[in-house]
Amino acid sequence: MPRTLLLIAAACCCGASFVCAPAWAADPPADEAAQFFESKIRPLLASRCFECHGEKKQEYGLRLDSRAAVLAGSDEGAVAVPGKPAESGLIKALEHAGEIKMPPKG
């Protein structure tokens, strides 16, 4: 899949997850939004982000392997703004629209 398409898909998926974030509990309920996150977003983050931002390693204090960890943010502060994906640093990084560009290599 071309990198641009992958980044657009990632941004859309993450955006959709954070729009629904306020409705999620600590343990994701079996609703449509949680299923979408588990089936579409988590696998993408696992394949592209967990090496540096997962359970074993958290560069810049950022962990992306759970909703709670994403909402906790990084050493620099919040990376996700529930209900406001356009303001989320994570989305900007995935779109390569801000100072931080993720993933850094393709």
N, C-alpha and C. Protein backbone atom coordinates (compact mmCIF):
# COMPACT_ATOMS: atom_id res chain seq x y z
N MET A 1 0.86 -1.17 0.00
CA MET A 1 0.00 0.00 0.00
C MET A 1 0.91 1.23 0.00
N PRO A 2 0.65 2.20 -0.85
CA PRO A 2 1.48 3.40 -0.88
C PRO A 2 1.47 4.11 0.47
N ARG A 3 2.59 4.72 0.80
CA ARG A 3 2.75 5.37 2.10
C ARG A 3 1.68 6.43 2.33
N THR A 4 1.39 7.24 1.34
CA THR A 4 0.40 8.31 1.49
C THR A 4 -0.96 7.73 1.85
N LEU A 5 -1.35 6.68 1.14
CA LEU A 5 -2.64 6.05 1.42
C LEU A 5 -2.66 5.45 2.82
N LEU A 6 -1.55 4.82 3.21
CA LEU A 6 -1.45 4.24 4.54
C LEU A 6 -1.59 5.31 5.61
N LEU A 7 -0.93 6.44 5.43
CA LEU A 7 -1.01 7.52 6.41
C LEU A 7 -2.40 8.12 6.48
N ILE A 8 -3.04 8.27 5.34
CA ILE A 8 -4.41 8.80 5.33
C ILE A 8 -5.34 7.83 6.05
N ALA A 9 -5.18 6.54 5.77
CA ALA A 9 -6.01 5.52 6.43
C ALA A 9 -5.76 5.53 7.93
N ALA A 10 -4.50 5.64 8.32
CA ALA A 10 -4.17 5.68 9.75
C ALA A 10 -4.78 6.89 10.42
N ALA A 11 -4.67 8.03 9.78
CA ALA A 11 -5.22 9.25 10.35
C ALA A 11 -6.74 9.15 10.50
N CYS A 12 -7.39 8.61 9.49
CA CYS A 12 -8.85 8.45 9.56
C CYS A 12 -9.24 7.49 10.67
N CYS A 13 -8.52 6.39 10.76
CA CYS A 13 -8.83 5.40 11.79
C CYS A 13 -8.61 5.97 13.18
N CYS A 14 -7.48 6.62 13.37
CA CYS A 14 -7.20 7.20 14.68
C CYS A 14 -8.20 8.30 15.00
N GLY A 15 -8.51 9.10 14.01
CA GLY A 15 -9.49 10.17 14.22
C GLY A 15 -10.82 9.62 14.64
N ALA A 16 -11.25 8.56 13.98
CA ALA A 16 -12.54 7.95 14.33
C ALA A 16 -12.50 7.40 15.75
N SER A 17 -11.37 6.84 16.14
CA SER A 17 -11.28 6.28 17.48
C SER A 17 -11.34 7.36 18.55
N PHE A 18 -10.72 8.50 18.30
CA PHE A 18 -10.70 9.55 19.32
C PHE A 18 -12.01 10.32 19.37
N VAL A 19 -12.77 10.31 18.29
CA VAL A 19 -14.10 10.92 18.33
C VAL A 19 -14.97 10.15 19.30
N CYS A 20 -14.78 8.84 19.33
CA CYS A 20 -15.58 7.97 20.19
C CYS A 20 -14.95 7.76 21.55
N ALA A 21 -13.74 8.25 21.77
CA ALA A 21 -12.99 7.98 22.99
C ALA A 21 -13.74 8.29 24.27
N PRO A 22 -14.47 9.40 24.39
CA PRO A 22 -15.13 9.68 25.66
C PRO A 22 -16.13 8.61 26.08
N ALA A 23 -16.65 7.87 25.13
CA ALA A 23 -17.64 6.85 25.45
C ALA A 23 -17.02 5.55 25.92
N TRP A 24 -15.71 5.38 25.76
CA TRP A 24 -15.06 4.13 26.13
C TRP A 24 -14.76 4.08 27.61
N ALA A 25 -14.88 2.90 28.18
CA ALA A 25 -14.50 2.69 29.57
C ALA A 25 -13.07 2.15 29.60
N ALA A 26 -12.54 1.86 30.79
CA ALA A 26 -11.18 1.32 30.90
C ALA A 26 -11.05 0.03 30.11
N ASP A 27 -12.04 -0.84 30.21
CA ASP A 27 -12.08 -2.04 29.39
C ASP A 27 -13.05 -1.76 28.26
N PRO A 28 -12.56 -1.85 27.01
CA PRO A 28 -13.42 -1.49 25.89
C PRO A 28 -14.72 -2.30 25.86
N PRO A 29 -15.85 -1.65 25.76
CA PRO A 29 -17.11 -2.37 25.65
C PRO A 29 -17.22 -3.01 24.28
N ALA A 30 -18.14 -3.92 24.15
CA ALA A 30 -18.31 -4.64 22.90
C ALA A 30 -19.22 -3.86 21.95
N ASP A 31 -18.99 -2.59 21.81
CA ASP A 31 -19.80 -1.80 20.88
C ASP A 31 -19.05 -1.63 19.56
N GLU A 32 -19.69 -1.01 18.63
CA GLU A 32 -19.14 -0.87 17.29
C GLU A 32 -17.84 -0.08 17.26
N ALA A 33 -17.76 1.00 18.02
CA ALA A 33 -16.55 1.83 18.03
C ALA A 33 -15.36 1.06 18.59
N ALA A 34 -15.57 0.34 19.67
CA ALA A 34 -14.49 -0.44 20.27
C ALA A 34 -14.05 -1.56 19.34
N GLN A 35 -15.00 -2.20 18.69
CA GLN A 35 -14.65 -3.25 17.73
C GLN A 35 -13.86 -2.68 16.57
N PHE A 36 -14.23 -1.49 16.12
CA PHE A 36 -13.50 -0.83 15.04
C PHE A 36 -12.07 -0.55 15.48
N PHE A 37 -11.91 -0.04 16.68
CA PHE A 37 -10.57 0.24 17.20
C PHE A 37 -9.75 -1.05 17.26
N GLU A 38 -10.33 -2.09 17.84
CA GLU A 38 -9.60 -3.35 18.01
C GLU A 38 -9.27 -4.01 16.68
N SER A 39 -10.16 -3.93 15.70
CA SER A 39 -9.93 -4.63 14.44
C SER A 39 -9.16 -3.81 13.41
N LYS A 40 -9.24 -2.50 13.46
CA LYS A 40 -8.61 -1.66 12.43
C LYS A 40 -7.44 -0.82 12.94
N ILE A 41 -7.59 -0.21 14.09
CA ILE A 41 -6.59 0.74 14.56
C ILE A 41 -5.46 0.05 15.31
N ARG A 42 -5.80 -0.78 16.29
CA ARG A 42 -4.75 -1.45 17.07
C ARG A 42 -3.80 -2.25 16.18
N PRO A 43 -4.28 -3.02 15.19
CA PRO A 43 -3.33 -3.74 14.33
C PRO A 43 -2.38 -2.80 13.57
N LEU A 44 -2.89 -1.67 13.14
CA LEU A 44 -2.05 -0.71 12.43
C LEU A 44 -1.00 -0.13 13.38
N LEU A 45 -1.42 0.26 14.57
CA LEU A 45 -0.46 0.77 15.54
C LEU A 45 0.55 -0.32 15.92
N ALA A 46 0.08 -1.56 16.06
CA ALA A 46 0.98 -2.66 16.41
C ALA A 46 2.05 -2.86 15.35
N SER A 47 1.67 -2.79 14.09
CA SER A 47 2.63 -3.04 13.02
C SER A 47 3.57 -1.87 12.77
N ARG A 48 3.16 -0.66 13.12
CA ARG A 48 3.97 0.52 12.78
C ARG A 48 4.52 1.27 13.99
N CYS A 49 3.96 1.06 15.18
CA CYS A 49 4.31 1.94 16.31
C CYS A 49 4.82 1.23 17.56
N PHE A 50 4.38 0.00 17.80
CA PHE A 50 4.68 -0.65 19.06
C PHE A 50 6.17 -0.92 19.27
N GLU A 51 6.95 -1.02 18.20
CA GLU A 51 8.38 -1.27 18.36
C GLU A 51 9.03 -0.17 19.22
N CYS A 52 8.58 1.04 19.04
CA CYS A 52 9.13 2.18 19.80
C CYS A 52 8.18 2.72 20.87
N HIS A 53 6.89 2.39 20.76
CA HIS A 53 5.89 2.96 21.67
C HIS A 53 4.93 1.88 22.16
N GLY A 54 5.49 0.74 22.59
CA GLY A 54 4.67 -0.38 23.05
C GLY A 54 4.94 -0.73 24.50
N GLU A 55 4.64 -1.96 24.85
CA GLU A 55 4.77 -2.41 26.23
C GLU A 55 6.23 -2.42 26.70
N LYS A 56 7.15 -2.85 25.83
CA LYS A 56 8.54 -3.01 26.24
C LYS A 56 9.37 -1.73 26.13
N LYS A 57 9.01 -0.86 25.22
CA LYS A 57 9.79 0.36 24.98
C LYS A 57 8.83 1.52 24.76
N GLN A 58 9.12 2.64 25.41
CA GLN A 58 8.27 3.83 25.26
C GLN A 58 9.16 5.04 25.01
N GLU A 59 9.53 5.26 23.75
CA GLU A 59 10.32 6.44 23.43
C GLU A 59 9.51 7.68 23.77
N TYR A 60 10.17 8.65 24.39
CA TYR A 60 9.55 9.91 24.82
C TYR A 60 8.38 9.69 25.78
N GLY A 61 8.39 8.52 26.44
CA GLY A 61 7.34 8.23 27.40
C GLY A 61 5.99 7.96 26.77
N LEU A 62 5.97 7.69 25.47
CA LEU A 62 4.70 7.47 24.76
C LEU A 62 4.46 5.99 24.54
N ARG A 63 3.31 5.54 25.00
CA ARG A 63 2.89 4.16 24.82
C ARG A 63 1.56 4.17 24.08
N LEU A 64 1.47 3.37 23.00
CA LEU A 64 0.28 3.38 22.15
C LEU A 64 -0.45 2.05 22.12
N ASP A 65 -0.17 1.15 23.05
CA ASP A 65 -0.77 -0.18 22.98
C ASP A 65 -2.07 -0.32 23.75
N SER A 66 -2.58 0.77 24.31
CA SER A 66 -3.90 0.73 24.94
C SER A 66 -4.51 2.12 24.88
N ARG A 67 -5.82 2.17 24.98
CA ARG A 67 -6.52 3.45 24.96
C ARG A 67 -6.06 4.32 26.12
N ALA A 68 -5.96 3.72 27.31
CA ALA A 68 -5.54 4.47 28.49
C ALA A 68 -4.16 5.07 28.31
N ALA A 69 -3.25 4.31 27.70
CA ALA A 69 -1.89 4.81 27.48
C ALA A 69 -1.89 5.96 26.48
N VAL A 70 -2.67 5.85 25.42
CA VAL A 70 -2.76 6.94 24.44
C VAL A 70 -3.27 8.20 25.11
N LEU A 71 -4.31 8.06 25.91
CA LEU A 71 -4.89 9.22 26.58
C LEU A 71 -3.96 9.79 27.65
N ALA A 72 -3.06 8.96 28.20
CA ALA A 72 -2.10 9.44 29.20
C ALA A 72 -1.06 10.36 28.56
N GLY A 73 -0.82 10.19 27.26
CA GLY A 73 0.11 11.06 26.55
C GLY A 73 1.55 10.63 26.67
N SER A 74 2.45 11.58 26.44
CA SER A 74 3.88 11.32 26.44
C SER A 74 4.55 12.22 27.48
N ASP A 75 5.88 12.18 27.50
CA ASP A 75 6.64 13.07 28.38
C ASP A 75 6.35 14.54 28.06
N GLU A 76 5.96 14.80 26.83
CA GLU A 76 5.69 16.17 26.38
C GLU A 76 4.24 16.60 26.61
N GLY A 77 3.38 15.67 27.02
CA GLY A 77 1.98 16.01 27.27
C GLY A 77 1.03 15.17 26.44
N ALA A 78 -0.17 15.68 26.26
CA ALA A 78 -1.23 14.96 25.55
C ALA A 78 -0.88 14.75 24.08
N VAL A 79 -1.23 13.58 23.55
CA VAL A 79 -1.04 13.30 22.12
C VAL A 79 -2.38 13.11 21.43
N ALA A 80 -3.43 12.94 22.23
CA ALA A 80 -4.77 12.73 21.68
C ALA A 80 -5.75 13.66 22.39
N VAL A 81 -6.64 14.22 21.61
CA VAL A 81 -7.68 15.09 22.17
C VAL A 81 -9.01 14.42 21.85
N PRO A 82 -9.60 13.70 22.82
CA PRO A 82 -10.85 13.00 22.56
C PRO A 82 -11.92 13.95 22.01
N GLY A 83 -12.52 13.51 20.92
CA GLY A 83 -13.57 14.30 20.29
C GLY A 83 -13.07 15.40 19.37
N LYS A 84 -11.74 15.61 19.33
CA LYS A 84 -11.16 16.66 18.48
C LYS A 84 -9.92 16.12 17.77
N PRO A 85 -10.10 15.20 16.82
CA PRO A 85 -8.95 14.59 16.17
C PRO A 85 -8.05 15.58 15.45
N ALA A 86 -8.59 16.68 14.95
CA ALA A 86 -7.76 17.66 14.24
C ALA A 86 -6.76 18.34 15.18
N GLU A 87 -7.02 18.31 16.48
CA GLU A 87 -6.12 18.91 17.46
C GLU A 87 -5.16 17.89 18.06
N SER A 88 -5.27 16.64 17.68
CA SER A 88 -4.46 15.58 18.26
C SER A 88 -3.07 15.54 17.62
N GLY A 89 -2.06 15.63 18.47
CA GLY A 89 -0.68 15.55 17.99
C GLY A 89 -0.40 14.24 17.29
N LEU A 90 -1.04 13.17 17.74
CA LEU A 90 -0.85 11.86 17.11
C LEU A 90 -1.31 11.90 15.66
N ILE A 91 -2.44 12.50 15.39
CA ILE A 91 -2.95 12.59 14.02
C ILE A 91 -2.01 13.45 13.18
N LYS A 92 -1.57 14.57 13.72
CA LYS A 92 -0.65 15.45 12.99
C LYS A 92 0.65 14.73 12.66
N ALA A 93 1.15 13.93 13.61
CA ALA A 93 2.38 13.18 13.37
C ALA A 93 2.18 12.14 12.28
N LEU A 94 1.05 11.45 12.30
CA LEU A 94 0.77 10.44 11.28
C LEU A 94 0.58 11.05 9.90
N GLU A 95 0.05 12.26 9.86
CA GLU A 95 -0.15 12.96 8.58
C GLU A 95 1.10 13.68 8.12
N HIS A 96 2.15 13.65 8.95
CA HIS A 96 3.38 14.41 8.70
C HIS A 96 3.07 15.89 8.54
N ALA A 97 2.11 16.38 9.32
CA ALA A 97 1.65 17.77 9.21
C ALA A 97 2.28 18.67 10.26
N GLY A 98 2.89 18.11 11.27
CA GLY A 98 3.47 18.92 12.33
C GLY A 98 4.98 18.77 12.38
N GLU A 99 5.54 19.22 13.48
CA GLU A 99 6.99 19.15 13.67
C GLU A 99 7.46 17.70 13.76
N ILE A 100 6.67 16.87 14.44
CA ILE A 100 7.00 15.45 14.59
C ILE A 100 6.32 14.68 13.48
N LYS A 101 7.07 13.79 12.83
CA LYS A 101 6.55 13.00 11.72
C LYS A 101 6.72 11.52 12.05
N MET A 102 5.61 10.81 12.10
CA MET A 102 5.63 9.39 12.43
C MET A 102 4.87 8.59 11.39
N PRO A 103 5.30 7.40 11.07
CA PRO A 103 6.59 6.87 11.45
C PRO A 103 7.71 7.65 10.74
N PRO A 104 8.89 7.73 11.38
CA PRO A 104 9.95 8.56 10.82
C PRO A 104 10.50 8.05 9.49
N LYS A 105 10.43 6.75 9.29
CA LYS A 105 10.95 6.15 8.05
C LYS A 105 9.80 5.45 7.33
N GLY A 106 9.27 6.07 6.30
CA GLY A 106 8.23 5.48 5.45
C GLY A 106 7.18 4.83 6.18
